[in-house]
Amino acid sequence: MKLLLVAVLLSITPLATRAQKPAPLPPITSVAMEQFECFWDTCPHYVIAINKDGSANYVGLAVAKKRGGVALQLPATAFDRIAREIDKIKFFDLRNAYASKEDGCKEMRTDQSSVSFFVTRGEDTKVVQLYYGCELPGVTDHLAGLASLIDEVTGIRPLLGRGQ
């Protein structure tokens, strides 16, 4: 009887200990960013929205060289670069805001602008706001880098009045 019990346990143990693979995450399908004005009215206020198919829309709201809407068509590689960076910084694990000491900011500077990101993966849209006066190494620098990457790969810098 003991031998039979051992044989049964041995036969089912590999099933019980076999690691189940997590379901693959749905792809990121859209990314939007709103960059706000700064205290001195020298920072453009604009929104850029990018879809997985490369279609994008820019809207300059204030201080930007180009105000109003512009439809863009980006190469697929542009969206892929942004999506890879979002995964790299573990965007969906971040807090919703980095704007105060309560949000984990180690240092705070005043009179800075802020940026909000809107990332859709499957049915979920995650929003993260960054106040540029918040310093939290390993987080705020990654979000600032994401904003810069979005400006770069979408080619909107001339619309903002920044260097070509």
Foldseek 3Di string as FASTA:
>chain_A
DVVVVVVVCVVCVCVVPPDDDDDDFFAWFKKKKFWDAWQVQQFWTKMKIAGLQQWIKIATPGLFQAHGIDIAGAPNVLVVVLRVLCVVLVVVPADQEQQDVVSVFPFFDPRFIKMWMWIDTDNDIGIHIYGQRGDDPSHNVSVVVSVVSNCVRRVCQVRRVHDD
